[in-house]
N, C-alpha and C. Protein backbone atom coordinates (compact mmCIF):
# COMPACT_ATOMS: atom_id res chain seq x y z
N UNK A 1 -88.62 -45.28 27.26
CA UNK A 1 -89.31 -46.53 27.00
C UNK A 1 -89.97 -46.44 25.63
N UNK A 2 -89.90 -47.49 24.92
CA UNK A 2 -90.50 -47.57 23.60
C UNK A 2 -91.74 -48.44 23.71
N UNK A 3 -92.85 -48.09 23.21
CA UNK A 3 -93.17 -46.84 22.54
C UNK A 3 -93.71 -45.79 23.52
N UNK A 4 -93.17 -44.60 23.44
CA UNK A 4 -93.68 -43.43 24.17
C UNK A 4 -93.47 -42.21 23.27
N UNK A 5 -93.81 -41.06 23.79
CA UNK A 5 -93.68 -39.84 22.98
C UNK A 5 -92.23 -39.42 22.77
N UNK A 6 -91.29 -39.99 23.50
CA UNK A 6 -89.87 -39.66 23.30
C UNK A 6 -89.11 -40.76 22.56
N UNK A 7 -89.80 -41.81 22.15
CA UNK A 7 -89.16 -42.93 21.46
C UNK A 7 -88.44 -42.51 20.19
N UNK A 8 -88.99 -41.51 19.53
CA UNK A 8 -88.40 -41.09 18.25
C UNK A 8 -86.99 -40.53 18.42
N UNK A 9 -86.58 -40.24 19.63
CA UNK A 9 -85.26 -39.68 19.89
C UNK A 9 -84.22 -40.75 20.25
N UNK A 10 -84.64 -41.96 20.48
CA UNK A 10 -83.72 -43.00 20.96
C UNK A 10 -82.62 -43.29 19.95
N UNK A 11 -82.98 -43.51 18.71
CA UNK A 11 -81.96 -43.83 17.70
C UNK A 11 -80.96 -42.69 17.56
N UNK A 12 -81.44 -41.47 17.48
CA UNK A 12 -80.51 -40.34 17.34
C UNK A 12 -79.61 -40.21 18.56
N UNK A 13 -80.13 -40.51 19.73
CA UNK A 13 -79.30 -40.48 20.94
C UNK A 13 -78.19 -41.53 20.87
N UNK A 14 -78.53 -42.73 20.37
CA UNK A 14 -77.52 -43.78 20.22
C UNK A 14 -76.45 -43.33 19.22
N UNK A 15 -76.88 -42.76 18.11
CA UNK A 15 -75.94 -42.29 17.09
C UNK A 15 -75.04 -41.19 17.66
N UNK A 16 -75.63 -40.24 18.40
CA UNK A 16 -74.85 -39.15 18.99
C UNK A 16 -73.84 -39.68 20.00
N UNK A 17 -74.26 -40.63 20.82
CA UNK A 17 -73.34 -41.22 21.81
C UNK A 17 -72.20 -41.95 21.10
N UNK A 18 -72.52 -42.68 20.06
CA UNK A 18 -71.49 -43.41 19.31
C UNK A 18 -70.50 -42.43 18.68
N UNK A 19 -71.00 -41.34 18.13
CA UNK A 19 -70.12 -40.32 17.56
C UNK A 19 -69.22 -39.73 18.63
N UNK A 20 -69.78 -39.42 19.79
CA UNK A 20 -69.00 -38.85 20.89
C UNK A 20 -67.92 -39.82 21.36
N UNK A 21 -68.24 -41.09 21.44
CA UNK A 21 -67.26 -42.10 21.84
C UNK A 21 -66.10 -42.12 20.85
N UNK A 22 -66.42 -42.12 19.56
CA UNK A 22 -65.37 -42.15 18.54
C UNK A 22 -64.53 -40.88 18.54
N UNK A 23 -65.18 -39.73 18.71
CA UNK A 23 -64.45 -38.45 18.70
C UNK A 23 -63.59 -38.28 19.94
N UNK A 24 -63.91 -38.97 21.01
CA UNK A 24 -63.15 -38.83 22.25
C UNK A 24 -61.84 -39.60 22.23
N UNK A 25 -61.67 -40.41 21.21
CA UNK A 25 -60.46 -41.22 21.14
C UNK A 25 -60.55 -42.49 21.97
N UNK A 26 -61.74 -42.81 22.43
CA UNK A 26 -61.93 -44.02 23.22
C UNK A 26 -61.69 -45.25 22.35
N UNK A 27 -61.40 -46.37 22.97
CA UNK A 27 -61.16 -47.59 22.19
C UNK A 27 -62.38 -47.98 21.35
N UNK A 28 -62.10 -48.53 20.17
CA UNK A 28 -63.17 -48.96 19.27
C UNK A 28 -63.99 -50.09 19.87
N UNK A 29 -63.50 -50.71 20.94
CA UNK A 29 -64.24 -51.80 21.56
C UNK A 29 -65.45 -51.32 22.36
N UNK A 30 -65.58 -50.02 22.57
CA UNK A 30 -66.74 -49.48 23.28
C UNK A 30 -67.92 -49.44 22.32
N UNK A 31 -68.98 -50.12 22.69
CA UNK A 31 -70.17 -50.22 21.84
C UNK A 31 -71.33 -49.50 22.51
N UNK A 32 -72.09 -48.77 21.72
CA UNK A 32 -73.23 -48.02 22.23
C UNK A 32 -74.49 -48.76 21.83
N UNK A 33 -75.41 -48.89 22.75
CA UNK A 33 -76.63 -49.64 22.47
C UNK A 33 -77.77 -49.08 23.32
N UNK A 34 -78.86 -49.81 23.36
CA UNK A 34 -79.99 -49.44 24.21
C UNK A 34 -80.60 -50.72 24.78
N UNK A 35 -81.47 -50.53 25.71
CA UNK A 35 -82.20 -51.66 26.29
C UNK A 35 -83.69 -51.39 26.08
N UNK A 36 -84.44 -52.44 25.78
CA UNK A 36 -85.88 -52.29 25.61
C UNK A 36 -86.61 -53.31 26.47
N UNK A 37 -87.86 -53.03 26.70
CA UNK A 37 -88.72 -53.93 27.46
C UNK A 37 -89.54 -54.77 26.48
N UNK A 38 -90.13 -55.82 26.97
CA UNK A 38 -90.93 -56.72 26.14
C UNK A 38 -92.15 -56.03 25.55
N UNK A 39 -92.50 -54.86 26.08
CA UNK A 39 -93.67 -54.12 25.60
C UNK A 39 -93.56 -53.66 24.16
N UNK A 40 -92.37 -53.75 23.55
CA UNK A 40 -92.23 -53.36 22.15
C UNK A 40 -92.83 -54.40 21.21
N UNK A 41 -93.11 -55.59 21.75
CA UNK A 41 -93.66 -56.65 20.92
C UNK A 41 -95.17 -56.52 20.80
N UNK A 42 -95.66 -56.72 19.60
CA UNK A 42 -97.10 -56.76 19.38
C UNK A 42 -97.61 -58.17 19.55
N UNK A 43 -96.80 -59.13 19.11
CA UNK A 43 -97.08 -60.55 19.26
C UNK A 43 -95.84 -61.19 19.83
N UNK A 44 -96.01 -62.03 20.84
CA UNK A 44 -94.85 -62.70 21.44
C UNK A 44 -95.05 -64.20 21.58
N UNK A 45 -96.24 -64.69 21.26
CA UNK A 45 -96.52 -66.11 21.43
C UNK A 45 -97.20 -66.66 20.20
N UNK A 46 -96.73 -67.81 19.75
CA UNK A 46 -95.51 -68.51 20.16
C UNK A 46 -94.29 -67.69 19.75
N UNK A 47 -93.14 -67.97 20.34
CA UNK A 47 -91.97 -67.14 20.08
C UNK A 47 -91.66 -66.92 18.60
N UNK A 48 -91.82 -67.94 17.77
CA UNK A 48 -91.49 -67.80 16.35
C UNK A 48 -92.43 -66.85 15.61
N UNK A 49 -93.56 -66.51 16.20
CA UNK A 49 -94.52 -65.59 15.59
C UNK A 49 -94.32 -64.15 16.06
N UNK A 50 -93.33 -63.93 16.90
CA UNK A 50 -93.12 -62.62 17.50
C UNK A 50 -92.79 -61.54 16.47
N UNK A 51 -93.42 -60.40 16.64
CA UNK A 51 -93.16 -59.21 15.83
C UNK A 51 -93.30 -57.98 16.72
N UNK A 52 -92.67 -56.90 16.29
CA UNK A 52 -92.82 -55.64 17.01
C UNK A 52 -94.22 -55.10 16.81
N UNK A 53 -94.70 -54.36 17.78
CA UNK A 53 -96.02 -53.75 17.68
C UNK A 53 -96.02 -52.68 16.60
N UNK A 54 -97.19 -52.34 16.11
CA UNK A 54 -97.30 -51.28 15.10
C UNK A 54 -96.73 -49.96 15.63
N UNK A 55 -96.92 -49.70 16.93
CA UNK A 55 -96.44 -48.45 17.53
C UNK A 55 -94.92 -48.38 17.63
N UNK A 56 -94.27 -49.53 17.72
CA UNK A 56 -92.82 -49.52 17.91
C UNK A 56 -92.04 -49.99 16.69
N UNK A 57 -92.70 -50.50 15.68
CA UNK A 57 -92.01 -51.11 14.55
C UNK A 57 -91.03 -50.17 13.85
N UNK A 58 -91.45 -48.99 13.49
CA UNK A 58 -90.58 -48.06 12.77
C UNK A 58 -89.35 -47.70 13.61
N UNK A 59 -89.57 -47.41 14.87
CA UNK A 59 -88.47 -47.05 15.77
C UNK A 59 -87.52 -48.23 15.93
N UNK A 60 -88.07 -49.41 16.15
CA UNK A 60 -87.23 -50.59 16.35
C UNK A 60 -86.48 -50.96 15.08
N UNK A 61 -87.08 -50.79 13.93
CA UNK A 61 -86.36 -51.06 12.67
C UNK A 61 -85.12 -50.18 12.56
N UNK A 62 -85.26 -48.90 12.90
CA UNK A 62 -84.12 -47.98 12.86
C UNK A 62 -83.03 -48.39 13.83
N UNK A 63 -83.42 -48.72 15.05
CA UNK A 63 -82.45 -49.14 16.07
C UNK A 63 -81.77 -50.43 15.66
N UNK A 64 -82.56 -51.39 15.24
CA UNK A 64 -82.01 -52.69 14.82
C UNK A 64 -81.05 -52.52 13.64
N UNK A 65 -81.41 -51.69 12.69
CA UNK A 65 -80.56 -51.45 11.52
C UNK A 65 -79.22 -50.85 11.94
N UNK A 66 -79.27 -49.85 12.82
CA UNK A 66 -78.03 -49.23 13.30
C UNK A 66 -77.16 -50.26 14.03
N UNK A 67 -77.76 -51.01 14.95
CA UNK A 67 -76.99 -52.00 15.70
C UNK A 67 -76.41 -53.06 14.77
N UNK A 68 -77.18 -53.49 13.80
CA UNK A 68 -76.72 -54.49 12.83
C UNK A 68 -75.53 -53.94 12.04
N UNK A 69 -75.65 -52.72 11.53
CA UNK A 69 -74.59 -52.12 10.72
C UNK A 69 -73.30 -51.90 11.51
N UNK A 70 -73.44 -51.59 12.79
CA UNK A 70 -72.27 -51.32 13.63
C UNK A 70 -71.70 -52.59 14.28
N UNK A 71 -72.48 -53.67 14.27
CA UNK A 71 -72.05 -54.89 14.96
C UNK A 71 -72.18 -54.75 16.46
N UNK A 72 -73.14 -53.94 16.90
CA UNK A 72 -73.35 -53.69 18.32
C UNK A 72 -74.44 -54.61 18.87
N UNK A 73 -74.41 -54.87 20.17
CA UNK A 73 -75.42 -55.75 20.78
C UNK A 73 -76.72 -55.01 21.07
N UNK A 74 -77.68 -55.77 21.49
CA UNK A 74 -79.02 -55.29 21.82
C UNK A 74 -79.35 -55.84 23.20
N UNK A 75 -79.85 -55.02 24.09
CA UNK A 75 -80.17 -55.47 25.43
C UNK A 75 -81.67 -55.47 25.65
N UNK A 76 -82.09 -56.36 26.51
CA UNK A 76 -83.51 -56.62 26.72
C UNK A 76 -83.80 -56.75 28.21
N UNK A 77 -84.84 -56.09 28.67
CA UNK A 77 -85.33 -56.30 30.03
C UNK A 77 -86.37 -57.41 29.99
N UNK A 78 -86.08 -58.50 30.66
CA UNK A 78 -86.97 -59.67 30.65
C UNK A 78 -87.42 -59.94 32.09
N UNK A 79 -88.73 -59.88 32.30
CA UNK A 79 -89.31 -60.12 33.62
C UNK A 79 -90.43 -61.15 33.50
N UNK A 80 -90.09 -62.43 33.53
CA UNK A 80 -91.12 -63.47 33.37
C UNK A 80 -92.25 -63.37 34.39
N UNK A 81 -91.92 -62.96 35.60
CA UNK A 81 -92.97 -62.91 36.62
C UNK A 81 -94.08 -61.94 36.22
N UNK A 82 -93.74 -60.82 35.61
CA UNK A 82 -94.78 -59.86 35.21
C UNK A 82 -95.72 -60.47 34.18
N UNK A 83 -95.17 -61.27 33.28
CA UNK A 83 -96.03 -61.95 32.30
C UNK A 83 -96.98 -62.91 33.01
N UNK A 84 -96.45 -63.64 33.96
CA UNK A 84 -97.28 -64.56 34.74
C UNK A 84 -98.35 -63.77 35.51
N UNK A 85 -97.93 -62.73 36.20
CA UNK A 85 -98.85 -61.97 37.05
C UNK A 85 -99.99 -61.35 36.24
N UNK A 86 -99.73 -61.00 34.99
CA UNK A 86 -100.78 -60.40 34.17
C UNK A 86 -101.66 -61.45 33.49
N UNK A 87 -101.26 -62.71 33.56
CA UNK A 87 -102.04 -63.75 32.89
C UNK A 87 -101.90 -65.10 33.60
N UNK A 88 -102.21 -65.16 34.92
CA UNK A 88 -101.98 -66.39 35.67
C UNK A 88 -102.88 -67.56 35.25
N UNK A 89 -103.96 -67.30 34.57
CA UNK A 89 -104.82 -68.40 34.14
C UNK A 89 -104.23 -69.14 32.93
N UNK A 90 -103.29 -68.50 32.21
CA UNK A 90 -102.71 -69.14 31.02
C UNK A 90 -101.23 -69.47 31.16
N UNK A 91 -100.57 -68.88 32.15
CA UNK A 91 -99.14 -69.12 32.35
C UNK A 91 -98.95 -69.79 33.72
N UNK A 92 -98.34 -70.96 33.69
CA UNK A 92 -98.10 -71.68 34.94
C UNK A 92 -96.97 -71.01 35.73
N UNK A 93 -97.14 -70.88 37.03
CA UNK A 93 -96.14 -70.23 37.87
C UNK A 93 -94.80 -70.95 37.77
N UNK A 94 -94.79 -72.27 37.75
CA UNK A 94 -93.53 -73.01 37.68
C UNK A 94 -92.78 -72.70 36.38
N UNK A 95 -93.52 -72.41 35.32
CA UNK A 95 -92.93 -72.04 34.03
C UNK A 95 -92.26 -70.67 34.13
N UNK A 96 -92.87 -69.76 34.84
CA UNK A 96 -92.31 -68.41 35.01
C UNK A 96 -91.14 -68.38 35.99
N UNK A 97 -91.08 -69.35 36.88
CA UNK A 97 -90.05 -69.34 37.93
C UNK A 97 -88.93 -70.35 37.70
N UNK A 98 -88.78 -70.86 36.49
CA UNK A 98 -87.72 -71.83 36.16
C UNK A 98 -87.83 -73.11 36.99
N UNK A 99 -89.04 -73.48 37.34
CA UNK A 99 -89.21 -74.59 38.28
C UNK A 99 -89.90 -75.80 37.66
N UNK A 100 -89.77 -75.98 36.36
CA UNK A 100 -90.35 -77.14 35.71
C UNK A 100 -89.29 -77.81 34.84
N UNK A 101 -89.38 -79.11 34.72
CA UNK A 101 -88.44 -79.84 33.87
C UNK A 101 -89.13 -80.34 32.60
N UNK A 102 -90.45 -80.18 32.54
CA UNK A 102 -91.17 -80.63 31.35
C UNK A 102 -91.31 -79.49 30.34
N UNK A 103 -91.48 -79.87 29.10
CA UNK A 103 -91.68 -78.88 28.03
C UNK A 103 -93.07 -78.29 28.20
N UNK A 104 -93.14 -76.98 28.33
CA UNK A 104 -94.42 -76.31 28.52
C UNK A 104 -94.93 -75.75 27.20
N UNK A 105 -94.02 -75.25 26.38
CA UNK A 105 -94.40 -74.68 25.09
C UNK A 105 -93.61 -75.39 23.99
N UNK A 106 -94.34 -75.89 23.03
CA UNK A 106 -93.75 -76.50 21.84
C UNK A 106 -94.04 -75.55 20.68
N UNK A 107 -93.00 -75.03 20.06
CA UNK A 107 -93.13 -74.09 18.95
C UNK A 107 -92.37 -74.66 17.77
N UNK A 108 -93.07 -75.43 16.94
CA UNK A 108 -92.38 -76.15 15.87
C UNK A 108 -91.44 -77.16 16.51
N UNK A 109 -90.17 -77.10 16.15
CA UNK A 109 -89.22 -78.01 16.79
C UNK A 109 -88.50 -77.35 17.97
N UNK A 110 -88.94 -76.16 18.35
CA UNK A 110 -88.39 -75.49 19.53
C UNK A 110 -89.21 -75.86 20.76
N UNK A 111 -88.52 -76.12 21.86
CA UNK A 111 -89.20 -76.49 23.10
C UNK A 111 -88.75 -75.55 24.21
N UNK A 112 -89.73 -75.14 25.01
CA UNK A 112 -89.44 -74.21 26.10
C UNK A 112 -89.89 -74.79 27.43
N UNK A 113 -88.93 -74.81 28.37
CA UNK A 113 -89.22 -75.31 29.71
C UNK A 113 -89.34 -74.17 30.71
N UNK A 114 -89.04 -72.94 30.25
CA UNK A 114 -89.25 -71.78 31.13
C UNK A 114 -89.59 -70.56 30.29
N UNK A 115 -90.31 -69.67 30.90
CA UNK A 115 -90.82 -68.48 30.22
C UNK A 115 -89.70 -67.53 29.81
N UNK A 116 -88.64 -67.47 30.60
CA UNK A 116 -87.53 -66.57 30.29
C UNK A 116 -86.99 -66.84 28.89
N UNK A 117 -86.66 -68.09 28.60
CA UNK A 117 -86.11 -68.43 27.29
C UNK A 117 -87.11 -68.17 26.17
N UNK A 118 -88.36 -68.42 26.43
CA UNK A 118 -89.39 -68.16 25.43
C UNK A 118 -89.48 -66.66 25.14
N UNK A 119 -89.37 -65.84 26.18
CA UNK A 119 -89.42 -64.39 25.99
C UNK A 119 -88.20 -63.89 25.21
N UNK A 120 -87.03 -64.38 25.57
CA UNK A 120 -85.81 -63.98 24.86
C UNK A 120 -85.91 -64.39 23.39
N UNK A 121 -86.34 -65.62 23.13
CA UNK A 121 -86.50 -66.07 21.74
C UNK A 121 -87.53 -65.23 20.99
N UNK A 122 -88.58 -64.82 21.65
CA UNK A 122 -89.57 -63.95 21.01
C UNK A 122 -88.91 -62.68 20.50
N UNK A 123 -88.07 -62.10 21.31
CA UNK A 123 -87.40 -60.87 20.90
C UNK A 123 -86.41 -61.15 19.77
N UNK A 124 -85.71 -62.26 19.85
CA UNK A 124 -84.77 -62.61 18.79
C UNK A 124 -85.51 -62.74 17.46
N UNK A 125 -86.67 -63.41 17.47
CA UNK A 125 -87.46 -63.55 16.24
C UNK A 125 -87.91 -62.19 15.72
N UNK A 126 -88.39 -61.32 16.61
CA UNK A 126 -88.86 -60.00 16.19
C UNK A 126 -87.71 -59.16 15.62
N UNK A 127 -86.56 -59.20 16.27
CA UNK A 127 -85.39 -58.46 15.78
C UNK A 127 -84.97 -58.98 14.41
N UNK A 128 -84.98 -60.30 14.26
CA UNK A 128 -84.63 -60.89 12.97
C UNK A 128 -85.60 -60.43 11.87
N UNK A 129 -86.88 -60.43 12.18
CA UNK A 129 -87.88 -60.00 11.19
C UNK A 129 -87.77 -58.51 10.87
N UNK A 130 -87.17 -57.75 11.77
CA UNK A 130 -86.97 -56.31 11.54
C UNK A 130 -85.64 -56.03 10.85
N UNK A 131 -84.98 -57.08 10.40
CA UNK A 131 -83.75 -56.90 9.65
C UNK A 131 -82.48 -57.08 10.43
N UNK A 132 -82.57 -57.60 11.64
CA UNK A 132 -81.39 -57.73 12.48
C UNK A 132 -80.93 -59.15 12.69
N UNK A 133 -80.76 -59.89 11.62
CA UNK A 133 -80.38 -61.30 11.76
C UNK A 133 -79.01 -61.49 12.41
N UNK A 134 -78.19 -60.47 12.44
CA UNK A 134 -76.88 -60.58 13.08
C UNK A 134 -76.77 -59.76 14.37
N UNK A 135 -77.88 -59.26 14.86
CA UNK A 135 -77.84 -58.47 16.09
C UNK A 135 -77.85 -59.45 17.26
């Protein structure tokens, strides 16, 4: 999990796995990546203001750069309920459970009717700001 005391090894592990895949003669269509949790973000609201936390920024920049250069995807663990549960006075339950049809968050010209999409967009913005506009 990023950020932790073993985070500094994640990028090298991805590189090593990618090298092993290529050396094994496996098809070039096999892509090596990682998955991260929303905890790597320092700011996530509004989504367009999202950035990686100071603790994870350097690590995430390296990962994002590698994925961008290789054309590999990036995976994300998104759990809207946990965001709601940690802040029920500011996040409506219907927003976290995909149960509203009205716009709950207006971010410039972006509109969010559920927390899941807002969380995914937050990560997309942070990845883009870290140099991964094509990740």
